Amino acid sequence: MDLSVETVKKELETKVPGLKLRKVRDSLLIEDAKDLTRVASFLKTSPAFRLDYLSSVTGSDYLTYLESVYHLYSIEKKHGPVVLRVRAPKTTVPIPINCSTAAMGAVPATVPQQKIIAGTAKIPSLVPVYRSAELQEREVYDMFGIIFEGHPDLRRIFMWEGFEGYPLRKDYEQEDTEVLEAADIAWLDARHIAVPNELKEKAKELQAAGKRAVARKPEKPRIA
């Protein structure tokens, strides 16, 4: 079976009604993310393709949209990959920082809270089609904030629950590791870990101003 992008595109558009595809280098972009599961199911079950193995699910941030990329192979026919792409706009909503610690009383409700941007990009999960997508979609969710609808257990896999932001997003603001916030002080105090007074005072100043301990970006690139 010829697995050139042109051949696969033609076959899919012929066999999957209403499907819109676009060639992006050596891959196919599915214009409507909702068609992802239809495309994957067809490629997995079609006698001509039998793409029965999903080797990877990866994410990318292109500033205005997020993208999820899939590499499909056939173990039965020993061919591949066929590379699929799906995009979701980076619609954003403001959420308060330290929302979990505020709920526990670590941050008073009367203190102004800094707003951060959280992604609401949604893409159908491929777990119902390929079980190998389960942990990989969790990783993309953890790093980029893409919501995989229909995933049986979508939660963080590297970062802890309550971690703020998505580390591989281009809008992610890295924390200053030399400065503690009120939530950090509360966590340390609860475990009877001594904290220098100057760090406590700095945390109080940040809390009162509704700011986070965000690391400053260097004005010039570092020279090795």
Protein backbone atom coordinates (compact mmCIF):
# COMPACT_ATOMS: atom_id res chain seq x y z
CA MET A 1 0.00 0.00 0.00
CA ASP A 2 1.34 3.43 -0.97
CA LEU A 3 1.42 5.55 2.19
CA SER A 4 2.34 8.84 0.55
CA VAL A 5 0.51 11.84 2.00
CA GLU A 6 -1.36 12.38 -1.26
CA THR A 7 -2.59 8.76 -1.43
CA VAL A 8 -3.71 8.63 2.19
CA LYS A 9 -5.44 12.00 1.84
CA LYS A 10 -7.34 10.89 -1.26
CA GLU A 11 -8.40 7.60 0.33
CA LEU A 12 -9.60 9.27 3.52
CA GLU A 13 -11.58 11.97 1.74
CA THR A 14 -13.21 9.28 -0.40
CA LYS A 15 -14.13 6.90 2.43
CA VAL A 16 -14.85 9.30 5.34
CA PRO A 17 -17.86 11.54 4.50
CA GLY A 18 -17.51 15.28 5.05
CA LEU A 19 -13.84 15.07 6.02
CA LYS A 20 -11.58 18.05 5.30
CA LEU A 21 -7.83 17.50 5.26
CA ARG A 22 -4.85 19.69 4.50
CA LYS A 23 -1.32 18.59 3.69
CA VAL A 24 1.29 19.99 6.08
CA ARG A 25 4.71 18.82 4.90
CA ASP A 26 4.71 15.01 5.31
CA SER A 27 1.56 14.94 7.44
CA LEU A 28 -2.18 15.50 7.25
CA LEU A 29 -3.95 18.21 9.21
CA ILE A 30 -7.52 17.32 10.14
CA GLU A 31 -9.36 20.63 9.80
CA ASP A 32 -12.13 19.75 12.27
CA ALA A 33 -10.77 18.20 15.46
CA LYS A 34 -14.07 16.34 15.97
CA ASP A 35 -13.19 14.14 12.96
CA LEU A 36 -10.05 12.76 14.64
CA THR A 37 -11.63 9.59 16.02
CA ARG A 38 -13.38 8.84 12.71
CA VAL A 39 -10.08 9.13 10.84
CA ALA A 40 -8.15 7.05 13.38
CA SER A 41 -10.81 4.33 13.45
CA PHE A 42 -10.84 4.09 9.66
CA LEU A 43 -7.05 3.88 9.40
CA LYS A 44 -6.94 1.22 12.11
CA THR A 45 -9.65 -1.04 10.68
CA SER A 46 -9.29 -0.48 6.93
CA PRO A 47 -7.83 -3.59 5.24
CA ALA A 48 -5.71 -1.31 3.05
CA PHE A 49 -4.00 0.39 6.00
CA ARG A 50 -4.38 -1.61 9.26
CA LEU A 51 -2.60 1.11 11.22
CA ASP A 52 -2.95 -0.79 14.47
CA TYR A 53 -0.21 0.94 16.48
CA LEU A 54 -0.17 4.51 17.77
CA SER A 55 3.48 5.15 18.62
CA SER A 56 3.33 8.72 19.85
CA VAL A 57 1.11 11.63 20.82
CA THR A 58 2.94 14.94 21.10
CA GLY A 59 1.95 18.56 21.61
CA SER A 60 3.10 21.93 20.29
CA ASP A 61 2.30 25.56 21.04
CA TYR A 62 2.03 27.93 18.06
CA LEU A 63 1.02 30.99 20.11
CA THR A 64 -2.52 31.29 18.71
CA TYR A 65 -3.33 27.58 18.74
CA LEU A 66 -2.20 24.29 20.23
CA GLU A 67 -1.52 21.22 18.14
CA SER A 68 -1.52 17.50 18.85
CA VAL A 69 0.44 15.20 16.51
CA TYR A 70 -0.03 11.44 16.08
CA HIS A 71 2.26 8.85 14.46
CA LEU A 72 0.48 5.69 13.29
CA TYR A 73 2.10 2.43 12.14
CA SER A 74 0.94 -1.01 11.07
CA ILE A 75 2.53 -3.94 12.87
CA GLU A 76 0.48 -6.33 10.76
CA LYS A 77 1.57 -4.86 7.42
CA LYS A 78 4.92 -3.49 8.61
CA HIS A 79 4.46 -0.02 7.19
CA GLY A 80 4.14 3.56 8.39
CA PRO A 81 4.16 6.12 9.73
CA VAL A 82 1.09 8.09 8.79
CA VAL A 83 1.27 11.40 10.64
CA LEU A 84 -1.92 13.22 11.67
CA ARG A 85 -2.28 16.70 13.12
CA VAL A 86 -5.17 18.32 14.98
CA ARG A 87 -5.33 21.94 16.10
CA ALA A 88 -7.36 23.72 18.75
CA PRO A 89 -7.49 27.51 19.26
CA LYS A 90 -6.00 28.86 22.47
CA THR A 91 -9.20 30.28 23.87
CA THR A 92 -8.31 31.41 27.35
CA VAL A 93 -10.02 32.06 30.65
CA PRO A 94 -8.65 33.81 33.76
CA ILE A 95 -8.39 31.76 36.94
CA PRO A 96 -7.05 32.79 40.35
CA ILE A 97 -3.65 31.60 41.50
CA ASN A 98 -3.44 29.43 44.60
CA CYS A 99 -7.13 28.54 44.20
CA SER A 100 -6.57 25.24 45.98
CA THR A 101 -4.64 26.79 48.88
CA ALA A 102 -7.19 29.58 49.19
CA ALA A 103 -9.91 26.97 49.58
CA MET A 104 -7.92 25.44 52.44
CA GLY A 105 -7.50 28.80 54.14
CA ALA A 106 -3.82 29.32 53.31
CA VAL A 107 -4.69 32.47 51.33
CA PRO A 108 -7.40 34.77 52.71
CA ALA A 109 -10.34 35.28 50.37
CA THR A 110 -10.03 39.06 50.84
CA VAL A 111 -6.53 39.19 49.32
CA PRO A 112 -6.46 40.21 45.63
CA GLN A 113 -5.40 37.27 43.56
CA GLN A 114 -3.22 37.40 40.48
CA LYS A 115 -4.83 36.15 37.28
CA ILE A 116 -3.09 33.58 35.10
CA ILE A 117 -4.12 32.19 31.74
CA ALA A 118 -5.35 28.61 31.49
CA GLY A 119 -5.95 26.87 28.20
CA THR A 120 -9.31 25.45 27.26
CA ALA A 121 -8.24 23.83 23.98
CA LYS A 122 -10.22 20.62 23.47
CA ILE A 123 -9.43 17.62 21.27
CA PRO A 124 -11.15 14.19 21.24
CA SER A 125 -9.28 11.45 23.06
CA LEU A 126 -7.96 8.52 21.02
CA VAL A 127 -7.95 6.15 24.00
CA PRO A 128 -11.19 4.47 22.75
CA VAL A 129 -9.33 3.66 19.51
CA TYR A 130 -5.75 3.18 20.73
CA ARG A 131 -5.08 2.24 24.35
CA SER A 132 -1.50 3.46 23.92
CA ALA A 133 -2.84 7.04 23.85
CA GLU A 134 -3.82 6.96 27.53
CA LEU A 135 -0.54 7.98 29.19
CA GLN A 136 0.67 10.03 26.24
CA GLU A 137 -2.45 12.21 26.23
CA ARG A 138 -1.98 12.74 29.96
CA GLU A 139 1.55 13.97 29.26
CA VAL A 140 0.34 16.43 26.59
CA TYR A 141 -2.39 17.63 28.95
CA ASP A 142 0.16 18.06 31.74
CA MET A 143 2.64 20.03 29.63
CA PHE A 144 0.29 21.98 27.30
CA GLY A 145 -3.15 21.98 28.92
CA ILE A 146 -4.98 20.35 26.02
CA ILE A 147 -8.22 18.77 27.24
CA PHE A 148 -8.68 15.33 25.67
CA GLU A 149 -12.42 14.82 25.78
CA GLY A 150 -13.45 11.25 26.55
CA HIS A 151 -10.17 10.32 28.24
CA PRO A 152 -10.87 7.85 31.08
CA ASP A 153 -8.42 9.37 33.57
CA LEU A 154 -7.19 12.79 32.46
CA ARG A 155 -4.91 14.13 35.17
CA ARG A 156 -1.32 15.28 35.52
CA ILE A 157 1.40 12.68 35.07
CA PHE A 158 4.65 14.58 35.77
CA MET A 159 3.58 17.67 37.71
CA TRP A 160 1.62 17.45 40.93
CA GLU A 161 -2.09 18.22 41.26
CA GLY A 162 -2.46 21.90 42.02
CA PHE A 163 0.57 22.90 39.94
CA GLU A 164 -0.19 26.21 38.24
CA GLY A 165 0.19 26.45 34.48
CA TYR A 166 1.60 24.20 31.76
CA PRO A 167 5.43 24.13 31.57
CA LEU A 168 5.83 23.72 27.79
CA ARG A 169 3.34 26.44 26.86
CA LYS A 170 4.91 29.60 25.49
CA ASP A 171 2.83 31.70 27.88
CA TYR A 172 4.11 29.80 30.93
CA GLU A 173 5.74 32.00 33.54
CA GLN A 174 8.47 30.27 35.48
CA GLU A 175 8.57 30.82 39.22
CA ASP A 176 11.53 32.45 40.92
CA THR A 177 13.09 29.56 42.83
CA GLU A 178 14.77 31.98 45.26
CA VAL A 179 11.46 33.45 46.46
CA LEU A 180 8.71 31.73 48.45
CA GLU A 181 4.99 32.48 48.19
CA ALA A 182 2.38 32.35 50.97
CA ALA A 183 1.33 28.84 49.97
CA ASP A 184 4.96 27.68 50.20
CA ILE A 185 5.33 29.18 53.68
CA ALA A 186 2.09 27.52 54.81
CA TRP A 187 3.28 24.15 53.48
CA LEU A 188 6.64 24.46 55.26
CA ASP A 189 5.08 25.68 58.52
CA ALA A 190 2.65 22.74 58.54
CA ARG A 191 5.66 20.43 58.47
CA HIS A 192 7.54 22.40 61.15
CA ILE A 193 10.29 23.41 58.72
CA ALA A 194 12.03 26.63 59.75
CA VAL A 195 11.79 29.51 57.26
CA PRO A 196 13.94 32.67 57.53
CA ASN A 197 11.96 35.79 58.47
CA GLU A 198 13.08 37.70 55.37
CA LEU A 199 11.48 35.03 53.16
CA LYS A 200 8.28 35.19 55.18
CA GLU A 201 8.15 38.97 54.85
CA LYS A 202 8.71 38.78 51.10
CA ALA A 203 5.88 36.24 50.83
CA LYS A 204 3.56 38.57 52.78
CA GLU A 205 4.43 41.47 50.44
CA LEU A 206 3.64 39.38 47.36
CA GLN A 207 0.39 38.15 48.89
CA ALA A 208 -0.75 41.66 49.83
CA ALA A 209 0.01 42.91 46.31
CA GLY A 210 -1.68 39.91 44.68
CA LYS A 211 1.51 39.02 42.83
CA ARG A 212 3.42 35.84 42.12
CA ALA A 213 7.11 35.09 42.49
CA VAL A 214 7.80 35.09 38.76
CA ALA A 215 11.36 34.74 37.52
CA ARG A 216 12.65 37.66 35.49
CA LYS A 217 13.59 36.86 31.93
CA PRO A 218 17.17 37.81 31.00
CA GLU A 219 17.43 40.94 28.90
CA LYS A 220 20.08 39.31 26.75
CA PRO A 221 20.67 35.61 25.92
CA ARG A 222 23.20 33.95 28.16
CA ILE A 223 26.59 33.31 26.61
CA ALA A 224 28.08 29.95 27.47
